[in-house]
């Protein structure tokens, strides 16, 4: 065996020993989990689950409130057929809804699957987010104005509950393209809910 090979083997052995020593020192420095630390970790886990359950309950209550409001008032039957509904503002509301639907389809399908853009829409096209938020606010106001002649002072709380209830349905949907589709289908289904409600609704003027 040559001196070069012997030296190389000695160097490799030294490197292995140094690695084992460093691992031993690292392991010896790690502090074992104390009962108090383990208890704190369990407390944090319980808090996380409690927060998760609380958020789901709150979202469920908003969704139930929105569904109850739509059913009891037969909201969309009144919106489409009541003679006192303001046509101008109802059309502005529907335009805002259509605009947000287009933006939603663009963000959920066009960007990731057609344009192959792997970025959130607020990074790729922040103007769309601003326009969508503005149209949502305008849609909220115009809807209240449109239904005011029929529902009066019930209008703002009804729209508020339905709006938050619809947003909170996302808490029970998957956070992917399928969730976006279901989110849109829920909205469309709400428009057709009056076909399945066996009364003309309450709250509105006759």
N, C-alpha and C. Protein backbone atom coordinates (compact mmCIF):
# COMPACT_ATOMS: atom_id res chain seq x y z
N UNK A 1 0.86 -1.20 0.00
CA UNK A 1 0.00 0.00 0.00
C UNK A 1 0.89 1.24 0.00
N UNK A 2 0.65 2.16 -0.89
CA UNK A 2 1.49 3.34 -1.00
C UNK A 2 1.20 4.30 0.13
N UNK A 3 2.15 5.22 0.31
CA UNK A 3 1.97 6.25 1.35
C UNK A 3 0.77 7.15 1.05
N UNK A 4 0.54 7.38 -0.25
CA UNK A 4 -0.60 8.25 -0.63
C UNK A 4 -1.92 7.61 -0.24
N UNK A 5 -2.07 6.29 -0.51
CA UNK A 5 -3.30 5.59 -0.15
C UNK A 5 -3.48 5.54 1.35
N UNK A 6 -2.36 5.31 2.07
CA UNK A 6 -2.44 5.25 3.53
C UNK A 6 -2.86 6.59 4.10
N UNK A 7 -2.28 7.62 3.55
CA UNK A 7 -2.63 8.97 4.02
C UNK A 7 -4.10 9.28 3.72
N UNK A 8 -4.56 8.88 2.54
CA UNK A 8 -5.96 9.13 2.17
C UNK A 8 -6.92 8.41 3.10
N UNK A 9 -6.58 7.17 3.45
CA UNK A 9 -7.45 6.41 4.37
C UNK A 9 -7.46 7.04 5.76
N UNK A 10 -6.31 7.49 6.18
CA UNK A 10 -6.25 8.15 7.49
C UNK A 10 -7.10 9.42 7.50
N UNK A 11 -7.04 10.16 6.42
CA UNK A 11 -7.84 11.39 6.32
C UNK A 11 -9.33 11.07 6.34
N UNK A 12 -9.73 10.01 5.61
CA UNK A 12 -11.15 9.63 5.59
C UNK A 12 -11.61 9.18 6.97
N UNK A 13 -10.74 8.41 7.64
CA UNK A 13 -11.09 7.97 8.99
C UNK A 13 -11.22 9.15 9.93
N UNK A 14 -10.34 10.12 9.80
CA UNK A 14 -10.40 11.31 10.65
C UNK A 14 -11.68 12.09 10.40
N UNK A 15 -12.07 12.20 9.12
CA UNK A 15 -13.30 12.92 8.79
C UNK A 15 -14.52 12.22 9.36
N UNK A 16 -14.50 10.88 9.30
CA UNK A 16 -15.62 10.13 9.87
C UNK A 16 -15.70 10.32 11.37
N UNK A 17 -14.55 10.31 12.02
CA UNK A 17 -14.52 10.51 13.46
C UNK A 17 -15.01 11.91 13.84
N UNK A 18 -14.58 12.90 13.06
CA UNK A 18 -15.02 14.28 13.33
C UNK A 18 -16.53 14.40 13.16
N UNK A 19 -17.08 13.73 12.14
CA UNK A 19 -18.52 13.79 11.90
C UNK A 19 -19.29 13.14 13.06
N UNK A 20 -18.78 11.97 13.51
CA UNK A 20 -19.44 11.28 14.63
C UNK A 20 -19.35 12.12 15.91
N UNK A 21 -18.20 12.75 16.12
CA UNK A 21 -18.05 13.59 17.32
C UNK A 21 -18.99 14.78 17.28
N UNK A 22 -19.13 15.41 16.09
CA UNK A 22 -20.02 16.56 15.97
C UNK A 22 -21.47 16.16 16.20
N UNK A 23 -21.85 14.97 15.69
CA UNK A 23 -23.21 14.49 15.91
C UNK A 23 -23.45 14.21 17.38
N UNK A 24 -22.46 13.66 18.06
CA UNK A 24 -22.60 13.37 19.48
C UNK A 24 -22.72 14.65 20.28
N UNK A 25 -21.91 15.65 19.92
CA UNK A 25 -21.98 16.93 20.63
C UNK A 25 -23.33 17.60 20.40
N UNK A 26 -23.81 17.53 19.15
CA UNK A 26 -25.12 18.12 18.83
C UNK A 26 -26.22 17.44 19.60
N UNK A 27 -26.16 16.11 19.65
CA UNK A 27 -27.19 15.36 20.37
C UNK A 27 -27.14 15.65 21.87
N UNK A 28 -25.93 15.80 22.38
CA UNK A 28 -25.78 16.03 23.82
C UNK A 28 -26.27 17.41 24.21
N UNK A 29 -26.22 18.34 23.24
CA UNK A 29 -26.67 19.71 23.54
C UNK A 29 -28.18 19.83 23.50
N UNK A 30 -28.85 18.92 22.77
CA UNK A 30 -30.31 18.98 22.68
C UNK A 30 -30.92 18.64 24.04
N UNK A 31 -31.79 19.52 24.45
CA UNK A 31 -32.42 19.32 25.74
C UNK A 31 -33.62 18.38 25.61
N UNK A 32 -33.77 17.45 26.49
CA UNK A 32 -34.94 16.56 26.43
C UNK A 32 -36.22 17.35 26.73
N UNK A 33 -37.33 16.88 26.17
CA UNK A 33 -38.62 17.54 26.40
C UNK A 33 -39.06 17.30 27.83
N UNK A 34 -39.21 18.37 28.55
CA UNK A 34 -39.64 18.26 29.94
C UNK A 34 -41.15 18.07 30.00
N UNK A 35 -41.68 17.57 31.10
CA UNK A 35 -43.14 17.44 31.23
C UNK A 35 -43.87 18.78 31.04
N UNK A 36 -43.25 19.86 31.51
CA UNK A 36 -43.88 21.17 31.36
C UNK A 36 -43.96 21.57 29.89
N UNK A 37 -42.84 21.33 29.15
CA UNK A 37 -42.84 21.65 27.73
C UNK A 37 -43.86 20.81 26.98
N UNK A 38 -43.94 19.53 27.31
CA UNK A 38 -44.91 18.64 26.67
C UNK A 38 -46.33 19.10 26.96
N UNK A 39 -46.57 19.55 28.20
CA UNK A 39 -47.89 20.06 28.56
C UNK A 39 -48.22 21.32 27.76
N UNK A 40 -47.23 22.22 27.59
CA UNK A 40 -47.45 23.45 26.82
C UNK A 40 -47.77 23.14 25.36
N UNK A 41 -47.09 22.14 24.81
CA UNK A 41 -47.38 21.74 23.43
C UNK A 41 -48.80 21.20 23.29
N UNK A 42 -49.23 20.41 24.27
CA UNK A 42 -50.60 19.89 24.22
C UNK A 42 -51.62 21.02 24.35
N UNK A 43 -51.31 22.01 25.19
CA UNK A 43 -52.21 23.16 25.34
C UNK A 43 -52.33 23.92 24.03
N UNK A 44 -51.19 24.12 23.34
CA UNK A 44 -51.21 24.82 22.06
C UNK A 44 -52.02 24.05 21.02
N UNK A 45 -51.89 22.73 21.05
CA UNK A 45 -52.67 21.90 20.11
C UNK A 45 -54.16 22.03 20.38
N UNK A 46 -54.54 22.00 21.65
CA UNK A 46 -55.95 22.14 22.02
C UNK A 46 -56.46 23.51 21.62
N UNK A 47 -55.64 24.56 21.83
CA UNK A 47 -56.05 25.91 21.44
C UNK A 47 -56.26 26.01 19.94
N UNK A 48 -55.38 25.39 19.17
CA UNK A 48 -55.51 25.41 17.71
C UNK A 48 -56.80 24.75 17.26
N UNK A 49 -57.09 23.59 17.83
CA UNK A 49 -58.33 22.89 17.48
C UNK A 49 -59.55 23.68 17.94
N UNK A 50 -59.47 24.30 19.11
CA UNK A 50 -60.59 25.10 19.60
C UNK A 50 -60.85 26.28 18.68
N UNK A 51 -59.77 26.93 18.22
CA UNK A 51 -59.92 28.06 17.30
C UNK A 51 -60.51 27.60 15.97
N UNK A 52 -60.06 26.45 15.49
CA UNK A 52 -60.57 25.90 14.25
C UNK A 52 -62.07 25.60 14.36
N UNK A 53 -62.47 24.96 15.44
CA UNK A 53 -63.88 24.62 15.64
C UNK A 53 -64.72 25.88 15.80
N UNK A 54 -64.19 26.87 16.53
CA UNK A 54 -64.91 28.13 16.72
C UNK A 54 -65.17 28.83 15.39
N UNK A 55 -64.14 28.86 14.55
CA UNK A 55 -64.29 29.50 13.24
C UNK A 55 -65.31 28.78 12.38
N UNK A 56 -65.31 27.44 12.44
CA UNK A 56 -66.27 26.67 11.66
C UNK A 56 -67.70 26.93 12.15
N UNK A 57 -67.87 27.02 13.47
CA UNK A 57 -69.20 27.28 14.03
C UNK A 57 -69.68 28.65 13.61
N UNK A 58 -68.80 29.66 13.69
CA UNK A 58 -69.18 31.01 13.28
C UNK A 58 -69.56 31.05 11.81
N UNK A 59 -68.77 30.39 10.97
CA UNK A 59 -69.09 30.35 9.54
C UNK A 59 -70.41 29.63 9.30
N UNK A 60 -70.62 28.53 10.04
CA UNK A 60 -71.88 27.80 9.89
C UNK A 60 -73.09 28.62 10.30
N UNK A 61 -72.94 29.44 11.33
CA UNK A 61 -74.05 30.30 11.76
C UNK A 61 -74.37 31.36 10.72
N UNK A 62 -73.33 31.94 10.12
CA UNK A 62 -73.58 32.92 9.06
C UNK A 62 -74.26 32.28 7.86
N UNK A 63 -73.81 31.09 7.49
CA UNK A 63 -74.43 30.38 6.36
C UNK A 63 -75.89 30.04 6.68
N UNK A 64 -76.14 29.57 7.89
CA UNK A 64 -77.51 29.25 8.29
C UNK A 64 -78.38 30.50 8.31
N UNK A 65 -77.81 31.61 8.79
CA UNK A 65 -78.57 32.86 8.80
C UNK A 65 -78.93 33.33 7.41
N UNK A 66 -77.98 33.20 6.47
CA UNK A 66 -78.25 33.59 5.09
C UNK A 66 -79.31 32.69 4.46
N UNK A 67 -79.19 31.37 4.69
CA UNK A 67 -80.17 30.44 4.13
C UNK A 67 -81.56 30.69 4.71
N UNK A 68 -81.62 30.97 6.02
CA UNK A 68 -82.90 31.26 6.65
C UNK A 68 -83.52 32.54 6.12
N UNK A 69 -82.67 33.55 5.89
CA UNK A 69 -83.16 34.82 5.35
C UNK A 69 -83.73 34.63 3.95
N UNK A 70 -83.00 33.89 3.12
CA UNK A 70 -83.47 33.66 1.76
C UNK A 70 -84.78 32.87 1.76
N UNK A 71 -84.86 31.86 2.62
CA UNK A 71 -86.07 31.04 2.65
C UNK A 71 -87.27 31.81 3.19
N UNK A 72 -87.07 32.47 4.33
CA UNK A 72 -88.22 33.13 4.98
C UNK A 72 -88.74 34.29 4.15
N UNK A 73 -87.83 35.02 3.50
CA UNK A 73 -88.27 36.17 2.70
C UNK A 73 -88.56 35.79 1.26
N UNK A 74 -88.17 34.57 0.86
CA UNK A 74 -88.18 34.18 -0.56
C UNK A 74 -87.59 35.32 -1.38
N UNK A 75 -86.37 35.64 -1.02
CA UNK A 75 -85.74 36.88 -1.47
C UNK A 75 -85.72 37.01 -2.98
N UNK A 76 -85.30 35.97 -3.68
CA UNK A 76 -85.12 36.11 -5.12
C UNK A 76 -86.45 36.12 -5.88
N UNK A 77 -87.48 35.55 -5.29
CA UNK A 77 -88.81 35.69 -5.90
C UNK A 77 -89.24 37.15 -5.87
N UNK A 78 -89.03 37.79 -4.72
CA UNK A 78 -89.37 39.22 -4.60
C UNK A 78 -88.47 40.04 -5.51
N UNK A 79 -87.19 39.71 -5.55
CA UNK A 79 -86.24 40.48 -6.35
C UNK A 79 -86.60 40.46 -7.83
N UNK A 80 -87.02 39.31 -8.33
CA UNK A 80 -87.29 39.18 -9.76
C UNK A 80 -88.71 39.59 -10.15
N UNK A 81 -89.67 39.48 -9.23
CA UNK A 81 -91.07 39.64 -9.65
C UNK A 81 -91.84 40.75 -8.94
N UNK A 82 -91.30 41.29 -7.86
CA UNK A 82 -92.05 42.32 -7.15
C UNK A 82 -92.06 43.62 -7.95
N UNK A 83 -93.23 44.21 -8.04
CA UNK A 83 -93.38 45.41 -8.89
C UNK A 83 -92.67 46.64 -8.34
N UNK A 84 -92.34 46.64 -7.04
CA UNK A 84 -91.71 47.82 -6.45
C UNK A 84 -90.18 47.80 -6.52
N UNK A 85 -89.61 46.71 -6.98
CA UNK A 85 -88.14 46.64 -7.09
C UNK A 85 -87.65 47.68 -8.09
N UNK A 86 -86.61 48.41 -7.71
CA UNK A 86 -86.03 49.43 -8.59
C UNK A 86 -85.22 48.74 -9.69
N UNK A 87 -85.69 48.85 -10.92
CA UNK A 87 -85.09 48.13 -12.04
C UNK A 87 -83.68 48.64 -12.34
N UNK A 88 -83.49 49.95 -12.31
CA UNK A 88 -82.18 50.52 -12.63
C UNK A 88 -81.10 49.98 -11.69
N UNK A 89 -81.34 50.08 -10.40
CA UNK A 89 -80.33 49.65 -9.44
C UNK A 89 -80.19 48.13 -9.38
N UNK A 90 -81.27 47.41 -9.67
CA UNK A 90 -81.15 45.95 -9.72
C UNK A 90 -80.28 45.52 -10.89
N UNK A 91 -80.37 46.25 -12.02
CA UNK A 91 -79.52 45.93 -13.17
C UNK A 91 -78.05 46.26 -12.89
N UNK A 92 -77.81 47.36 -12.17
CA UNK A 92 -76.43 47.69 -11.79
C UNK A 92 -75.87 46.60 -10.88
N UNK A 93 -76.70 46.13 -9.95
CA UNK A 93 -76.27 45.04 -9.08
C UNK A 93 -75.92 43.80 -9.87
N UNK A 94 -76.75 43.41 -10.82
CA UNK A 94 -76.50 42.22 -11.62
C UNK A 94 -75.25 42.38 -12.48
N UNK A 95 -75.01 43.60 -12.95
CA UNK A 95 -73.78 43.85 -13.71
C UNK A 95 -72.55 43.65 -12.83
N UNK A 96 -72.60 44.15 -11.60
CA UNK A 96 -71.48 43.97 -10.66
C UNK A 96 -71.26 42.49 -10.35
N UNK A 97 -72.35 41.75 -10.22
CA UNK A 97 -72.24 40.32 -9.98
C UNK A 97 -71.57 39.63 -11.17
N UNK A 98 -72.01 39.96 -12.39
CA UNK A 98 -71.43 39.35 -13.59
C UNK A 98 -69.94 39.67 -13.70
N UNK A 99 -69.57 40.90 -13.35
CA UNK A 99 -68.16 41.31 -13.40
C UNK A 99 -67.32 40.47 -12.45
N UNK A 100 -67.81 40.27 -11.25
CA UNK A 100 -67.07 39.48 -10.27
C UNK A 100 -67.01 38.00 -10.65
N UNK A 101 -68.05 37.51 -11.30
CA UNK A 101 -68.03 36.13 -11.79
C UNK A 101 -66.94 35.95 -12.84
N UNK A 102 -66.82 36.92 -13.75
CA UNK A 102 -65.78 36.87 -14.78
C UNK A 102 -64.39 36.90 -14.14
N UNK A 103 -64.21 37.78 -13.17
CA UNK A 103 -62.92 37.86 -12.48
C UNK A 103 -62.60 36.55 -11.75
N UNK A 104 -63.62 35.97 -11.14
CA UNK A 104 -63.42 34.71 -10.44
C UNK A 104 -63.01 33.58 -11.37
N UNK A 105 -63.66 33.49 -12.53
CA UNK A 105 -63.29 32.47 -13.51
C UNK A 105 -61.89 32.70 -14.05
N UNK A 106 -61.53 33.96 -14.23
CA UNK A 106 -60.19 34.28 -14.71
C UNK A 106 -59.13 33.83 -13.70
N UNK A 107 -59.39 34.12 -12.42
CA UNK A 107 -58.41 33.77 -11.38
C UNK A 107 -58.34 32.27 -11.14
N UNK A 108 -59.49 31.59 -11.25
CA UNK A 108 -59.54 30.16 -10.90
C UNK A 108 -59.15 29.24 -12.04
N UNK A 109 -59.37 29.66 -13.30
CA UNK A 109 -59.15 28.75 -14.41
C UNK A 109 -58.23 29.31 -15.50
N UNK A 110 -58.46 30.55 -15.92
CA UNK A 110 -57.68 31.09 -17.03
C UNK A 110 -56.21 31.23 -16.64
N UNK A 111 -55.96 31.83 -15.47
CA UNK A 111 -54.58 32.03 -15.04
C UNK A 111 -53.81 30.73 -14.84
N UNK A 112 -54.30 29.79 -14.04
CA UNK A 112 -53.49 28.58 -13.79
C UNK A 112 -53.48 27.56 -14.92
N UNK A 113 -54.59 27.43 -15.67
CA UNK A 113 -54.69 26.33 -16.62
C UNK A 113 -54.48 26.74 -18.07
N UNK A 114 -54.73 27.99 -18.41
CA UNK A 114 -54.57 28.45 -19.80
C UNK A 114 -53.30 29.28 -19.94
N UNK A 115 -53.15 30.29 -19.08
CA UNK A 115 -51.96 31.13 -19.13
C UNK A 115 -50.77 30.52 -18.40
N UNK A 116 -51.01 29.45 -17.62
CA UNK A 116 -49.95 28.76 -16.87
C UNK A 116 -49.20 29.72 -15.93
N UNK A 117 -49.95 30.54 -15.24
CA UNK A 117 -49.37 31.51 -14.31
C UNK A 117 -49.54 30.99 -12.90
N UNK A 118 -48.42 30.75 -12.24
CA UNK A 118 -48.44 30.19 -10.88
C UNK A 118 -48.21 31.31 -9.87
N UNK A 119 -49.12 32.27 -9.87
CA UNK A 119 -49.04 33.40 -8.93
C UNK A 119 -50.44 33.73 -8.44
N UNK A 120 -50.57 34.26 -7.23
CA UNK A 120 -51.87 34.76 -6.80
C UNK A 120 -52.29 35.95 -7.66
N UNK A 121 -53.58 36.11 -7.81
CA UNK A 121 -54.06 37.18 -8.68
C UNK A 121 -53.70 38.56 -8.14
N UNK A 122 -53.58 38.70 -6.81
CA UNK A 122 -53.22 40.00 -6.25
C UNK A 122 -51.77 40.37 -6.54
N UNK A 123 -50.95 39.40 -6.96
CA UNK A 123 -49.58 39.70 -7.38
C UNK A 123 -49.49 39.89 -8.89
N UNK A 124 -50.24 39.07 -9.63
CA UNK A 124 -50.16 39.12 -11.09
C UNK A 124 -50.98 40.28 -11.65
N UNK A 125 -52.19 40.45 -11.16
CA UNK A 125 -53.07 41.53 -11.64
C UNK A 125 -53.75 42.20 -10.45
N UNK A 126 -53.04 43.01 -9.69
CA UNK A 126 -53.67 43.64 -8.51
C UNK A 126 -54.84 44.56 -8.85
N UNK A 127 -54.84 45.11 -10.08
CA UNK A 127 -55.94 46.00 -10.46
C UNK A 127 -57.27 45.26 -10.48
N UNK A 128 -57.22 43.98 -10.86
CA UNK A 128 -58.45 43.19 -10.89
C UNK A 128 -59.02 43.05 -9.48
N UNK A 129 -58.14 42.88 -8.49
CA UNK A 129 -58.60 42.77 -7.10
C UNK A 129 -59.27 44.07 -6.67
N UNK A 130 -58.67 45.19 -7.02
CA UNK A 130 -59.25 46.49 -6.65
C UNK A 130 -60.59 46.71 -7.33
N UNK A 131 -60.66 46.39 -8.62
CA UNK A 131 -61.91 46.55 -9.37
C UNK A 131 -62.98 45.62 -8.82
N UNK A 132 -62.59 44.39 -8.49
CA UNK A 132 -63.54 43.44 -7.93
C UNK A 132 -64.08 43.89 -6.58
N UNK A 133 -63.18 44.44 -5.74
CA UNK A 133 -63.63 44.93 -4.43
C UNK A 133 -64.57 46.12 -4.60
N UNK A 134 -64.24 47.01 -5.53
CA UNK A 134 -65.10 48.18 -5.77
C UNK A 134 -66.46 47.76 -6.30
N UNK A 135 -66.46 46.81 -7.24
CA UNK A 135 -67.75 46.36 -7.80
C UNK A 135 -68.56 45.61 -6.75
N UNK A 136 -67.88 44.91 -5.84
CA UNK A 136 -68.61 44.25 -4.75
C UNK A 136 -69.28 45.25 -3.83
N UNK A 137 -68.56 46.33 -3.51
CA UNK A 137 -69.13 47.37 -2.65
C UNK A 137 -70.30 48.06 -3.36
N UNK A 138 -70.10 48.39 -4.64
CA UNK A 138 -71.18 49.04 -5.40
C UNK A 138 -72.38 48.10 -5.51
N UNK A 139 -72.11 46.80 -5.72
CA UNK A 139 -73.21 45.84 -5.80
C UNK A 139 -74.00 45.77 -4.51
N UNK A 140 -73.30 45.82 -3.38
CA UNK A 140 -73.97 45.79 -2.07
C UNK A 140 -74.90 46.99 -1.93
N UNK A 141 -74.39 48.18 -2.23
CA UNK A 141 -75.19 49.41 -2.07
C UNK A 141 -76.37 49.42 -3.04
N UNK A 142 -76.12 49.07 -4.30
CA UNK A 142 -77.20 49.11 -5.29
C UNK A 142 -78.27 48.06 -5.00
N UNK A 143 -77.87 46.92 -4.43
CA UNK A 143 -78.88 45.92 -4.08
C UNK A 143 -79.79 46.43 -2.97
N UNK A 144 -79.20 47.08 -1.98
CA UNK A 144 -80.01 47.65 -0.90
C UNK A 144 -80.99 48.67 -1.45
N UNK A 145 -80.50 49.53 -2.34
CA UNK A 145 -81.38 50.56 -2.94
C UNK A 145 -82.46 49.90 -3.79
N UNK A 146 -82.10 48.85 -4.52
CA UNK A 146 -83.05 48.20 -5.42
C UNK A 146 -84.21 47.57 -4.67
N UNK A 147 -83.93 46.94 -3.53
CA UNK A 147 -84.98 46.22 -2.81
C UNK A 147 -85.65 47.07 -1.73
N UNK A 148 -85.14 48.28 -1.49
CA UNK A 148 -85.71 49.12 -0.43
C UNK A 148 -87.20 49.37 -0.60
N UNK A 149 -87.70 49.67 -1.82
CA UNK A 149 -89.14 49.89 -1.96
C UNK A 149 -89.99 48.70 -1.56
N UNK A 150 -89.42 47.49 -1.62
CA UNK A 150 -90.18 46.28 -1.27
C UNK A 150 -89.95 45.87 0.18
N UNK A 151 -88.71 45.93 0.66
CA UNK A 151 -88.38 45.44 2.00
C UNK A 151 -88.20 46.54 3.04
N UNK A 152 -88.04 47.77 2.62
CA UNK A 152 -87.88 48.86 3.58
C UNK A 152 -86.65 48.71 4.45
N UNK A 153 -86.81 48.93 5.75
CA UNK A 153 -85.69 48.90 6.69
C UNK A 153 -85.11 47.49 6.89
N UNK A 154 -85.79 46.48 6.41
CA UNK A 154 -85.22 45.14 6.45
C UNK A 154 -84.06 44.97 5.45
N UNK A 155 -84.02 45.85 4.47
CA UNK A 155 -83.07 45.68 3.36
C UNK A 155 -81.61 45.59 3.80
N UNK A 156 -81.06 46.59 4.56
CA UNK A 156 -79.63 46.50 4.91
C UNK A 156 -79.25 45.26 5.70
N UNK A 157 -79.98 44.91 6.79
CA UNK A 157 -79.56 43.70 7.52
C UNK A 157 -79.72 42.43 6.70
N UNK A 158 -80.74 42.37 5.85
CA UNK A 158 -80.92 41.18 5.02
C UNK A 158 -79.75 41.00 4.06
N UNK A 159 -79.38 42.07 3.37
CA UNK A 159 -78.28 41.98 2.42
C UNK A 159 -76.98 41.69 3.14
N UNK A 160 -76.78 42.29 4.30
CA UNK A 160 -75.56 42.05 5.08
C UNK A 160 -75.43 40.59 5.49
N UNK A 161 -76.50 40.02 6.00
CA UNK A 161 -76.48 38.61 6.44
C UNK A 161 -76.27 37.68 5.25
N UNK A 162 -76.95 37.94 4.15
CA UNK A 162 -76.80 37.08 2.98
C UNK A 162 -75.39 37.19 2.39
N UNK A 163 -74.84 38.40 2.39
CA UNK A 163 -73.51 38.61 1.85
C UNK A 163 -72.46 37.85 2.67
N UNK A 164 -72.50 38.01 3.99
CA UNK A 164 -71.53 37.33 4.84
C UNK A 164 -71.76 35.81 4.86
N UNK A 165 -73.02 35.42 4.79
CA UNK A 165 -73.31 33.99 4.74
C UNK A 165 -72.73 33.35 3.50
N UNK A 166 -72.86 34.04 2.36
CA UNK A 166 -72.30 33.50 1.12
C UNK A 166 -70.77 33.43 1.19
N UNK A 167 -70.13 34.48 1.70
CA UNK A 167 -68.67 34.46 1.82
C UNK A 167 -68.19 33.33 2.72
N UNK A 168 -68.94 33.06 3.78
CA UNK A 168 -68.52 32.04 4.74
C UNK A 168 -68.74 30.62 4.25
N UNK A 169 -69.45 30.45 3.13
CA UNK A 169 -69.54 29.10 2.57
C UNK A 169 -68.16 28.59 2.14
N UNK A 170 -67.24 29.52 1.85
CA UNK A 170 -65.90 29.11 1.43
C UNK A 170 -65.16 28.35 2.53
N UNK A 171 -65.57 28.52 3.79
CA UNK A 171 -64.93 27.80 4.89
C UNK A 171 -65.18 26.31 4.82
N UNK A 172 -66.18 25.89 4.06
CA UNK A 172 -66.53 24.47 3.97
C UNK A 172 -66.21 23.89 2.59
N UNK A 173 -65.49 24.65 1.77
CA UNK A 173 -65.15 24.21 0.41
C UNK A 173 -63.65 24.00 0.29
N UNK A 174 -63.23 23.11 -0.60
CA UNK A 174 -61.78 22.92 -0.81
C UNK A 174 -61.14 24.16 -1.42
N UNK A 175 -59.91 24.41 -1.06
CA UNK A 175 -59.20 25.61 -1.53
C UNK A 175 -58.47 25.31 -2.84
N UNK A 176 -59.24 24.99 -3.88
CA UNK A 176 -58.66 24.73 -5.20
C UNK A 176 -59.70 25.09 -6.26
N UNK A 177 -59.46 24.66 -7.48
CA UNK A 177 -60.39 24.97 -8.56
C UNK A 177 -61.78 24.43 -8.33
N UNK A 178 -61.87 23.23 -7.76
CA UNK A 178 -63.17 22.65 -7.45
C UNK A 178 -63.93 23.53 -6.46
N UNK A 179 -63.22 24.05 -5.47
CA UNK A 179 -63.87 24.94 -4.51
C UNK A 179 -64.41 26.19 -5.17
N UNK A 180 -63.68 26.72 -6.15
CA UNK A 180 -64.15 27.91 -6.87
C UNK A 180 -65.41 27.60 -7.67
N UNK A 181 -65.44 26.40 -8.28
CA UNK A 181 -66.64 26.00 -9.03
C UNK A 181 -67.84 25.86 -8.10
N UNK A 182 -67.64 25.21 -6.98
CA UNK A 182 -68.74 25.03 -6.02
C UNK A 182 -69.20 26.36 -5.45
N UNK A 183 -68.26 27.26 -5.23
CA UNK A 183 -68.60 28.60 -4.72
C UNK A 183 -69.52 29.32 -5.70
N UNK A 184 -69.21 29.21 -7.00
CA UNK A 184 -70.06 29.83 -8.01
C UNK A 184 -71.41 29.14 -8.15
N UNK A 185 -71.40 27.80 -8.04
CA UNK A 185 -72.65 27.06 -8.16
C UNK A 185 -73.61 27.37 -7.01
N UNK A 186 -73.05 27.61 -5.82
CA UNK A 186 -73.90 27.99 -4.68
C UNK A 186 -74.60 29.30 -4.96
N UNK A 187 -73.85 30.24 -5.53
CA UNK A 187 -74.44 31.54 -5.84
C UNK A 187 -75.55 31.40 -6.89
N UNK A 188 -75.28 30.62 -7.93
CA UNK A 188 -76.30 30.42 -8.97
C UNK A 188 -77.51 29.69 -8.40
N UNK A 189 -77.25 28.70 -7.53
CA UNK A 189 -78.35 27.97 -6.91
C UNK A 189 -79.24 28.86 -6.07
N UNK A 190 -78.62 29.86 -5.41
CA UNK A 190 -79.42 30.78 -4.60
C UNK A 190 -80.41 31.55 -5.48
N UNK A 191 -80.00 31.91 -6.70
CA UNK A 191 -80.89 32.63 -7.61
C UNK A 191 -82.12 31.80 -7.99
N UNK A 192 -81.94 30.48 -8.02
CA UNK A 192 -83.05 29.61 -8.41
C UNK A 192 -83.80 29.05 -7.19
N UNK A 193 -83.46 29.51 -6.01
CA UNK A 193 -84.07 28.97 -4.80
C UNK A 193 -85.57 29.24 -4.74
N UNK A 194 -86.02 30.32 -5.40
CA UNK A 194 -87.45 30.66 -5.29
C UNK A 194 -88.36 29.63 -5.94
N UNK A 195 -87.79 28.78 -6.80
CA UNK A 195 -88.59 27.72 -7.41
C UNK A 195 -88.93 26.62 -6.41
N UNK A 196 -88.20 26.56 -5.32
CA UNK A 196 -88.38 25.47 -4.35
C UNK A 196 -88.95 25.96 -3.01
N UNK A 197 -89.24 27.23 -2.89
CA UNK A 197 -89.79 27.78 -1.65
C UNK A 197 -91.31 27.89 -1.81
N UNK A 198 -92.06 27.21 -0.96
CA UNK A 198 -93.51 27.10 -1.18
C UNK A 198 -94.34 28.27 -0.65
N UNK A 199 -93.79 29.46 -0.65
CA UNK A 199 -94.56 30.64 -0.24
C UNK A 199 -93.99 31.87 -0.93
N UNK A 200 -94.73 32.96 -0.90
CA UNK A 200 -94.31 34.18 -1.59
C UNK A 200 -93.33 35.02 -0.79
N UNK A 201 -93.04 34.62 0.41
CA UNK A 201 -92.07 35.34 1.23
C UNK A 201 -92.71 36.31 2.19
N UNK A 202 -91.89 36.72 3.16
CA UNK A 202 -92.34 37.67 4.18
C UNK A 202 -91.40 38.89 4.17
N UNK A 203 -91.63 39.78 5.06
CA UNK A 203 -90.86 41.02 5.22
C UNK A 203 -91.23 42.08 4.18
N UNK A 204 -91.57 41.69 2.96
CA UNK A 204 -91.79 42.69 1.93
C UNK A 204 -93.21 43.23 1.97
N UNK A 205 -93.39 44.40 1.37
CA UNK A 205 -94.73 44.98 1.27
C UNK A 205 -95.53 44.25 0.20
N UNK A 206 -96.83 44.15 0.45
CA UNK A 206 -97.68 43.42 -0.49
C UNK A 206 -98.12 44.32 -1.65
